[in-house]
Amino acid sequence: MPVRRRRTLPEAQRGGAPLAGPMAARGTKHYTGAMKILVKWLLSASALLLVAYLYSGVQVESFGSALIAAFVIGLFNAVLRPVLVILTLPVTIVTVGLFLFVINALMFWAAAGVLGGFHVSGFGAALLGSLIYSVLGIVIESALGGLFAKK
């Protein structure tokens, strides 16, 4: 008569050693991507507070307002900006890409128009504020690229 073995839970479910192999790598990549998005969002909100500190044309009432504003700016840049870039492509070509600064300023200004705790005093302030915010965003992205480098 064959001997029947008792089925046991995998080590990780029993509280033993963590998973090894492809399953562990897949879970780590998922959490790393989510962590990168969360850290980038927090740093973008901090960058928005720094823009308000450096330039008086932009006002942010609190860190919570900065978090919401950073989310809305990111949402506008992901959804509206590509449409505007395509619609204004002839003007962008004629101005050798400089019109993209105007589109960035419009996204910045639109986010301020929608939100209560984030204020921009005019289009010129939106243009300068979006330039500072973009430079800080490049710094954040390069820092996070080194921190969350793919292995």
N, C-alpha and C. Protein backbone atom coordinates (compact mmCIF):
# COMPACT_ATOMS: atom_id res chain seq x y z
N MET A 1 0.85 -1.17 0.00
CA MET A 1 0.00 0.00 0.00
C MET A 1 0.90 1.24 0.00
N PRO A 2 0.62 2.22 -0.91
CA PRO A 2 1.47 3.41 -0.97
C PRO A 2 1.26 4.30 0.26
N VAL A 3 2.33 4.97 0.61
CA VAL A 3 2.29 5.87 1.76
C VAL A 3 1.79 7.23 1.28
N ARG A 4 0.78 7.73 1.97
CA ARG A 4 0.23 9.05 1.60
C ARG A 4 0.90 10.10 2.46
N ARG A 5 1.35 11.14 1.78
CA ARG A 5 2.00 12.24 2.50
C ARG A 5 0.96 13.29 2.84
N ARG A 6 1.16 13.88 3.97
CA ARG A 6 0.27 14.95 4.39
C ARG A 6 0.59 16.22 3.63
N ARG A 7 -0.41 16.93 3.13
CA ARG A 7 -0.18 18.19 2.45
C ARG A 7 0.09 19.28 3.48
N THR A 8 1.09 20.10 3.18
CA THR A 8 1.43 21.19 4.11
C THR A 8 1.38 22.52 3.36
N LEU A 9 1.23 23.57 4.09
CA LEU A 9 1.25 24.91 3.51
C LEU A 9 2.66 25.27 3.10
N PRO A 10 2.81 26.09 2.08
CA PRO A 10 4.15 26.56 1.74
C PRO A 10 4.77 27.31 2.91
N GLU A 11 6.08 27.37 2.91
CA GLU A 11 6.83 28.01 3.99
C GLU A 11 6.33 29.42 4.31
N ALA A 12 6.07 30.20 3.27
CA ALA A 12 5.68 31.60 3.49
C ALA A 12 4.34 31.70 4.19
N GLN A 13 3.41 30.76 3.92
CA GLN A 13 2.09 30.82 4.56
C GLN A 13 2.14 30.31 5.99
N ARG A 14 3.13 29.50 6.32
CA ARG A 14 3.26 29.01 7.68
C ARG A 14 4.01 29.98 8.57
N GLY A 15 4.52 31.04 7.98
CA GLY A 15 5.31 31.97 8.78
C GLY A 15 6.78 31.62 8.77
N GLY A 16 7.17 30.73 7.87
CA GLY A 16 8.57 30.32 7.78
C GLY A 16 9.35 31.26 6.89
N ALA A 17 10.26 30.71 6.14
CA ALA A 17 11.13 31.50 5.27
C ALA A 17 10.32 32.15 4.15
N PRO A 18 10.73 33.31 3.68
CA PRO A 18 10.01 33.97 2.59
C PRO A 18 10.16 33.20 1.28
N LEU A 19 9.27 33.50 0.35
CA LEU A 19 9.31 32.85 -0.95
C LEU A 19 10.61 33.16 -1.67
N ALA A 20 11.06 32.22 -2.43
CA ALA A 20 12.24 32.42 -3.24
C ALA A 20 11.89 32.11 -4.68
N GLY A 21 12.64 32.65 -5.59
CA GLY A 21 12.41 32.34 -6.99
C GLY A 21 11.55 33.37 -7.68
N PRO A 22 10.85 32.95 -8.75
CA PRO A 22 10.10 33.89 -9.57
C PRO A 22 8.96 34.59 -8.82
N MET A 23 8.32 33.90 -7.88
CA MET A 23 7.21 34.52 -7.15
C MET A 23 7.70 35.69 -6.30
N ALA A 24 8.83 35.52 -5.67
CA ALA A 24 9.36 36.60 -4.83
C ALA A 24 9.74 37.80 -5.68
N ALA A 25 10.35 37.57 -6.82
CA ALA A 25 10.77 38.67 -7.69
C ALA A 25 9.56 39.42 -8.23
N ARG A 26 8.51 38.70 -8.57
CA ARG A 26 7.32 39.35 -9.12
C ARG A 26 6.67 40.26 -8.08
N GLY A 27 6.56 39.79 -6.86
CA GLY A 27 5.96 40.61 -5.81
C GLY A 27 6.80 41.83 -5.48
N THR A 28 8.10 41.68 -5.50
CA THR A 28 9.00 42.80 -5.20
C THR A 28 8.88 43.88 -6.25
N LYS A 29 8.81 43.50 -7.52
CA LYS A 29 8.69 44.49 -8.58
C LYS A 29 7.39 45.27 -8.44
N HIS A 30 6.32 44.59 -8.07
CA HIS A 30 5.03 45.26 -7.92
C HIS A 30 5.10 46.30 -6.81
N TYR A 31 5.67 45.92 -5.68
CA TYR A 31 5.76 46.86 -4.57
C TYR A 31 6.74 47.98 -4.87
N THR A 32 7.79 47.69 -5.60
CA THR A 32 8.77 48.72 -5.95
C THR A 32 8.13 49.78 -6.84
N GLY A 33 7.33 49.36 -7.81
CA GLY A 33 6.65 50.31 -8.69
C GLY A 33 5.67 51.18 -7.93
N ALA A 34 4.90 50.57 -7.03
CA ALA A 34 3.94 51.33 -6.23
C ALA A 34 4.67 52.29 -5.29
N MET A 35 5.77 51.83 -4.73
CA MET A 35 6.55 52.68 -3.82
C MET A 35 7.14 53.87 -4.57
N LYS A 36 7.60 53.64 -5.80
CA LYS A 36 8.17 54.73 -6.60
C LYS A 36 7.10 55.78 -6.89
N ILE A 37 5.89 55.35 -7.23
CA ILE A 37 4.80 56.29 -7.50
C ILE A 37 4.46 57.10 -6.25
N LEU A 38 4.39 56.42 -5.12
CA LEU A 38 4.06 57.10 -3.86
C LEU A 38 5.14 58.11 -3.48
N VAL A 39 6.40 57.71 -3.58
CA VAL A 39 7.50 58.62 -3.24
C VAL A 39 7.54 59.80 -4.21
N LYS A 40 7.31 59.53 -5.49
CA LYS A 40 7.30 60.62 -6.47
C LYS A 40 6.17 61.61 -6.19
N TRP A 41 5.01 61.10 -5.79
CA TRP A 41 3.88 61.97 -5.46
C TRP A 41 4.21 62.84 -4.25
N LEU A 42 4.79 62.25 -3.21
CA LEU A 42 5.14 63.03 -2.02
C LEU A 42 6.22 64.07 -2.33
N LEU A 43 7.20 63.68 -3.13
CA LEU A 43 8.26 64.64 -3.49
C LEU A 43 7.73 65.73 -4.43
N SER A 44 6.79 65.39 -5.30
CA SER A 44 6.19 66.41 -6.17
C SER A 44 5.38 67.42 -5.37
N ALA A 45 4.69 66.95 -4.34
CA ALA A 45 3.97 67.87 -3.46
C ALA A 45 4.95 68.76 -2.72
N SER A 46 6.07 68.20 -2.28
CA SER A 46 7.10 69.00 -1.62
C SER A 46 7.71 70.01 -2.59
N ALA A 47 7.88 69.61 -3.85
CA ALA A 47 8.39 70.53 -4.87
C ALA A 47 7.43 71.67 -5.09
N LEU A 48 6.14 71.38 -5.05
CA LEU A 48 5.13 72.43 -5.22
C LEU A 48 5.19 73.42 -4.06
N LEU A 49 5.42 72.92 -2.85
CA LEU A 49 5.60 73.81 -1.71
C LEU A 49 6.86 74.66 -1.87
N LEU A 50 7.90 74.07 -2.43
CA LEU A 50 9.14 74.82 -2.68
C LEU A 50 8.93 75.90 -3.73
N VAL A 51 8.14 75.60 -4.76
CA VAL A 51 7.81 76.62 -5.78
C VAL A 51 7.09 77.79 -5.11
N ALA A 52 6.13 77.48 -4.23
CA ALA A 52 5.41 78.54 -3.54
C ALA A 52 6.31 79.34 -2.62
N TYR A 53 7.32 78.69 -2.05
CA TYR A 53 8.27 79.39 -1.18
C TYR A 53 9.20 80.29 -1.99
N LEU A 54 9.64 79.79 -3.14
CA LEU A 54 10.59 80.54 -3.95
C LEU A 54 9.95 81.67 -4.75
N TYR A 55 8.69 81.50 -5.15
CA TYR A 55 8.05 82.46 -6.04
C TYR A 55 6.71 82.88 -5.47
N SER A 56 6.52 84.18 -5.28
CA SER A 56 5.31 84.67 -4.62
C SER A 56 4.06 84.61 -5.50
N GLY A 57 4.20 84.36 -6.78
CA GLY A 57 3.04 84.26 -7.66
C GLY A 57 2.25 82.97 -7.50
N VAL A 58 2.83 82.01 -6.76
CA VAL A 58 2.17 80.72 -6.51
C VAL A 58 1.99 80.58 -5.01
N GLN A 59 0.77 80.27 -4.58
CA GLN A 59 0.50 80.06 -3.16
C GLN A 59 -0.12 78.68 -2.96
N VAL A 60 0.39 77.99 -1.93
CA VAL A 60 -0.14 76.69 -1.52
C VAL A 60 -0.44 76.80 -0.03
N GLU A 61 -1.67 76.48 0.37
CA GLU A 61 -2.08 76.69 1.75
C GLU A 61 -1.50 75.67 2.73
N SER A 62 -1.40 74.40 2.33
CA SER A 62 -0.93 73.36 3.24
C SER A 62 -0.32 72.21 2.46
N PHE A 63 0.28 71.27 3.20
CA PHE A 63 0.86 70.11 2.52
C PHE A 63 -0.25 69.25 1.91
N GLY A 64 -1.40 69.18 2.57
CA GLY A 64 -2.53 68.44 2.01
C GLY A 64 -2.98 69.05 0.68
N SER A 65 -3.03 70.37 0.62
CA SER A 65 -3.36 71.05 -0.64
C SER A 65 -2.31 70.78 -1.70
N ALA A 66 -1.05 70.72 -1.27
CA ALA A 66 0.03 70.43 -2.21
C ALA A 66 -0.08 69.00 -2.75
N LEU A 67 -0.46 68.05 -1.89
CA LEU A 67 -0.66 66.67 -2.34
C LEU A 67 -1.76 66.58 -3.39
N ILE A 68 -2.87 67.25 -3.11
CA ILE A 68 -3.99 67.22 -4.06
C ILE A 68 -3.60 67.93 -5.35
N ALA A 69 -2.92 69.07 -5.24
CA ALA A 69 -2.49 69.82 -6.42
C ALA A 69 -1.50 69.02 -7.27
N ALA A 70 -0.56 68.33 -6.62
CA ALA A 70 0.41 67.51 -7.37
C ALA A 70 -0.32 66.38 -8.10
N PHE A 71 -1.33 65.80 -7.46
CA PHE A 71 -2.11 64.75 -8.11
C PHE A 71 -2.87 65.29 -9.31
N VAL A 72 -3.52 66.45 -9.14
CA VAL A 72 -4.31 67.04 -10.23
C VAL A 72 -3.40 67.48 -11.38
N ILE A 73 -2.26 68.07 -11.07
CA ILE A 73 -1.32 68.46 -12.13
C ILE A 73 -0.85 67.22 -12.89
N GLY A 74 -0.54 66.16 -12.17
CA GLY A 74 -0.14 64.91 -12.82
C GLY A 74 -1.25 64.33 -13.67
N LEU A 75 -2.48 64.40 -13.17
CA LEU A 75 -3.63 63.91 -13.94
C LEU A 75 -3.85 64.73 -15.20
N PHE A 76 -3.78 66.05 -15.07
CA PHE A 76 -3.93 66.92 -16.25
C PHE A 76 -2.81 66.66 -17.27
N ASN A 77 -1.59 66.47 -16.77
CA ASN A 77 -0.47 66.21 -17.68
C ASN A 77 -0.61 64.86 -18.37
N ALA A 78 -1.25 63.91 -17.72
CA ALA A 78 -1.43 62.58 -18.32
C ALA A 78 -2.60 62.53 -19.28
N VAL A 79 -3.65 63.31 -19.02
CA VAL A 79 -4.88 63.22 -19.82
C VAL A 79 -5.01 64.37 -20.83
N LEU A 80 -4.92 65.60 -20.35
CA LEU A 80 -5.18 66.75 -21.21
C LEU A 80 -3.97 67.17 -22.06
N ARG A 81 -2.78 67.08 -21.49
CA ARG A 81 -1.60 67.57 -22.19
C ARG A 81 -1.36 66.88 -23.53
N PRO A 82 -1.47 65.54 -23.63
CA PRO A 82 -1.26 64.92 -24.95
C PRO A 82 -2.25 65.40 -26.01
N VAL A 83 -3.49 65.64 -25.61
CA VAL A 83 -4.49 66.15 -26.55
C VAL A 83 -4.11 67.55 -27.02
N LEU A 84 -3.71 68.40 -26.07
CA LEU A 84 -3.31 69.76 -26.43
C LEU A 84 -2.06 69.78 -27.29
N VAL A 85 -1.13 68.88 -27.02
CA VAL A 85 0.09 68.82 -27.82
C VAL A 85 -0.25 68.46 -29.27
N ILE A 86 -1.14 67.51 -29.47
CA ILE A 86 -1.53 67.12 -30.83
C ILE A 86 -2.31 68.25 -31.52
N LEU A 87 -3.23 68.88 -30.79
CA LEU A 87 -4.03 69.95 -31.39
C LEU A 87 -3.19 71.17 -31.76
N THR A 88 -2.14 71.43 -31.01
CA THR A 88 -1.32 72.61 -31.26
C THR A 88 0.00 72.26 -31.95
N LEU A 89 0.06 71.10 -32.58
CA LEU A 89 1.30 70.66 -33.21
C LEU A 89 1.83 71.65 -34.26
N PRO A 90 0.98 72.24 -35.11
CA PRO A 90 1.54 73.21 -36.07
C PRO A 90 2.21 74.41 -35.39
N VAL A 91 1.58 74.94 -34.34
CA VAL A 91 2.17 76.07 -33.62
C VAL A 91 3.45 75.65 -32.93
N THR A 92 3.47 74.43 -32.37
CA THR A 92 4.67 73.93 -31.71
C THR A 92 5.82 73.79 -32.69
N ILE A 93 5.53 73.33 -33.91
CA ILE A 93 6.58 73.18 -34.92
C ILE A 93 7.11 74.55 -35.34
N VAL A 94 6.21 75.51 -35.55
CA VAL A 94 6.63 76.86 -35.97
C VAL A 94 7.49 77.52 -34.89
N THR A 95 7.13 77.30 -33.62
CA THR A 95 7.89 77.93 -32.53
C THR A 95 9.04 77.06 -32.04
N VAL A 96 9.38 76.03 -32.78
CA VAL A 96 10.48 75.12 -32.48
C VAL A 96 10.33 74.53 -31.07
N GLY A 97 9.12 74.17 -30.69
CA GLY A 97 8.86 73.51 -29.42
C GLY A 97 8.64 74.43 -28.24
N LEU A 98 8.83 75.73 -28.41
CA LEU A 98 8.66 76.65 -27.28
C LEU A 98 7.22 76.75 -26.82
N PHE A 99 6.27 76.42 -27.68
CA PHE A 99 4.86 76.48 -27.29
C PHE A 99 4.53 75.43 -26.23
N LEU A 100 5.37 74.41 -26.09
CA LEU A 100 5.15 73.41 -25.04
C LEU A 100 5.24 74.03 -23.65
N PHE A 101 6.03 75.09 -23.50
CA PHE A 101 6.07 75.81 -22.22
C PHE A 101 4.73 76.45 -21.92
N VAL A 102 4.07 76.94 -22.95
CA VAL A 102 2.73 77.53 -22.78
C VAL A 102 1.74 76.45 -22.35
N ILE A 103 1.83 75.27 -22.96
CA ILE A 103 0.93 74.17 -22.58
C ILE A 103 1.17 73.76 -21.14
N ASN A 104 2.43 73.67 -20.72
CA ASN A 104 2.74 73.36 -19.31
C ASN A 104 2.15 74.41 -18.38
N ALA A 105 2.27 75.67 -18.75
CA ALA A 105 1.72 76.74 -17.92
C ALA A 105 0.20 76.65 -17.85
N LEU A 106 -0.43 76.29 -18.97
CA LEU A 106 -1.88 76.13 -18.97
C LEU A 106 -2.33 75.00 -18.04
N MET A 107 -1.59 73.90 -18.01
CA MET A 107 -1.91 72.79 -17.11
C MET A 107 -1.76 73.22 -15.65
N PHE A 108 -0.71 73.97 -15.37
CA PHE A 108 -0.45 74.48 -14.02
C PHE A 108 -1.56 75.44 -13.60
N TRP A 109 -1.92 76.34 -14.51
CA TRP A 109 -2.95 77.33 -14.24
C TRP A 109 -4.32 76.68 -14.11
N ALA A 110 -4.60 75.68 -14.92
CA ALA A 110 -5.89 74.98 -14.85
C ALA A 110 -6.03 74.24 -13.53
N ALA A 111 -4.96 73.64 -13.05
CA ALA A 111 -5.01 72.95 -11.76
C ALA A 111 -5.29 73.95 -10.65
N ALA A 112 -4.70 75.12 -10.74
CA ALA A 112 -4.95 76.16 -9.72
C ALA A 112 -6.39 76.66 -9.80
N GLY A 113 -6.95 76.69 -11.00
CA GLY A 113 -8.33 77.13 -11.15
C GLY A 113 -9.33 76.13 -10.59
N VAL A 114 -8.99 74.88 -10.59
CA VAL A 114 -9.90 73.83 -10.12
C VAL A 114 -9.84 73.65 -8.61
N LEU A 115 -8.68 73.88 -8.02
CA LEU A 115 -8.47 73.60 -6.60
C LEU A 115 -8.60 74.84 -5.73
N GLY A 116 -8.96 74.62 -4.48
CA GLY A 116 -9.13 75.73 -3.56
C GLY A 116 -7.87 76.13 -2.83
N GLY A 117 -7.01 75.20 -2.46
CA GLY A 117 -5.84 75.52 -1.65
C GLY A 117 -4.60 75.81 -2.46
N PHE A 118 -4.73 75.93 -3.77
CA PHE A 118 -3.60 76.16 -4.67
C PHE A 118 -3.97 77.32 -5.57
N HIS A 119 -3.20 78.43 -5.49
CA HIS A 119 -3.53 79.64 -6.23
C HIS A 119 -2.33 80.12 -7.06
N VAL A 120 -2.63 80.54 -8.28
CA VAL A 120 -1.62 81.14 -9.16
C VAL A 120 -2.17 82.50 -9.58
N SER A 121 -1.34 83.55 -9.46
CA SER A 121 -1.84 84.91 -9.64
C SER A 121 -2.09 85.32 -11.09
N GLY A 122 -1.64 84.59 -12.06
CA GLY A 122 -1.89 84.93 -13.46
C GLY A 122 -1.13 84.01 -14.38
N PHE A 123 -1.24 84.27 -15.70
CA PHE A 123 -0.57 83.39 -16.65
C PHE A 123 0.95 83.47 -16.55
N GLY A 124 1.49 84.67 -16.34
CA GLY A 124 2.94 84.82 -16.17
C GLY A 124 3.44 84.05 -14.96
N ALA A 125 2.66 84.11 -13.87
CA ALA A 125 3.03 83.35 -12.67
C ALA A 125 2.93 81.85 -12.94
N ALA A 126 1.94 81.44 -13.73
CA ALA A 126 1.81 80.03 -14.09
C ALA A 126 2.99 79.58 -14.94
N LEU A 127 3.42 80.44 -15.85
CA LEU A 127 4.55 80.09 -16.72
C LEU A 127 5.83 79.91 -15.90
N LEU A 128 6.13 80.88 -15.05
CA LEU A 128 7.34 80.79 -14.23
C LEU A 128 7.22 79.66 -13.20
N GLY A 129 6.07 79.53 -12.58
CA GLY A 129 5.86 78.46 -11.60
C GLY A 129 5.98 77.08 -12.23
N SER A 130 5.44 76.92 -13.44
CA SER A 130 5.53 75.61 -14.10
C SER A 130 6.96 75.30 -14.54
N LEU A 131 7.72 76.34 -14.89
CA LEU A 131 9.13 76.12 -15.24
C LEU A 131 9.92 75.63 -14.02
N ILE A 132 9.72 76.28 -12.88
CA ILE A 132 10.41 75.87 -11.65
C ILE A 132 9.97 74.46 -11.26
N TYR A 133 8.67 74.20 -11.34
CA TYR A 133 8.12 72.89 -10.99
C TYR A 133 8.66 71.80 -11.92
N SER A 134 8.82 72.13 -13.20
CA SER A 134 9.36 71.15 -14.16
C SER A 134 10.82 70.84 -13.87
N VAL A 135 11.61 71.85 -13.54
CA VAL A 135 13.02 71.62 -13.20
C VAL A 135 13.11 70.74 -11.95
N LEU A 136 12.29 71.03 -10.94
CA LEU A 136 12.29 70.21 -9.74
C LEU A 136 11.82 68.79 -10.05
N GLY A 137 10.86 68.65 -10.97
CA GLY A 137 10.40 67.33 -11.37
C GLY A 137 11.48 66.52 -12.05
N ILE A 138 12.30 67.17 -12.85
CA ILE A 138 13.43 66.48 -13.50
C ILE A 138 14.43 66.01 -12.45
N VAL A 139 14.70 66.85 -11.46
CA VAL A 139 15.61 66.47 -10.38
C VAL A 139 15.04 65.28 -9.60
N ILE A 140 13.75 65.32 -9.31
CA ILE A 140 13.10 64.22 -8.58
C ILE A 140 13.16 62.93 -9.39
N GLU A 141 12.85 63.02 -10.67
CA GLU A 141 12.85 61.83 -11.53
C GLU A 141 14.25 61.22 -11.64
N SER A 142 15.27 62.05 -11.75
CA SER A 142 16.63 61.51 -11.84
C SER A 142 17.05 60.88 -10.51
N ALA A 143 16.66 61.47 -9.40
CA ALA A 143 16.99 60.90 -8.09
C ALA A 143 16.27 59.57 -7.88
N LEU A 144 15.01 59.51 -8.27
CA LEU A 144 14.26 58.27 -8.12
C LEU A 144 14.74 57.19 -9.08
N GLY A 145 15.24 57.60 -10.24
CA GLY A 145 15.78 56.63 -11.18
C GLY A 145 16.98 55.92 -10.60
N GLY A 146 17.80 56.63 -9.85
CA GLY A 146 18.95 56.01 -9.20
C GLY A 146 18.54 55.20 -7.98
N LEU A 147 17.52 55.66 -7.27
CA LEU A 147 17.08 54.98 -6.06
C LEU A 147 16.34 53.69 -6.37
N PHE A 148 15.49 53.72 -7.38
CA PHE A 148 14.70 52.55 -7.76
C PHE A 148 15.21 51.96 -9.08
N ALA A 149 16.52 51.83 -9.22
CA ALA A 149 17.11 51.30 -10.43
C ALA A 149 16.73 49.83 -10.61
N LYS A 150 16.43 49.45 -11.86
CA LYS A 150 16.09 48.06 -12.16
C LYS A 150 17.35 47.22 -12.09
N LYS A 151 17.21 46.05 -11.50
CA LYS A 151 18.38 45.18 -11.32
C LYS A 151 18.31 44.01 -12.26
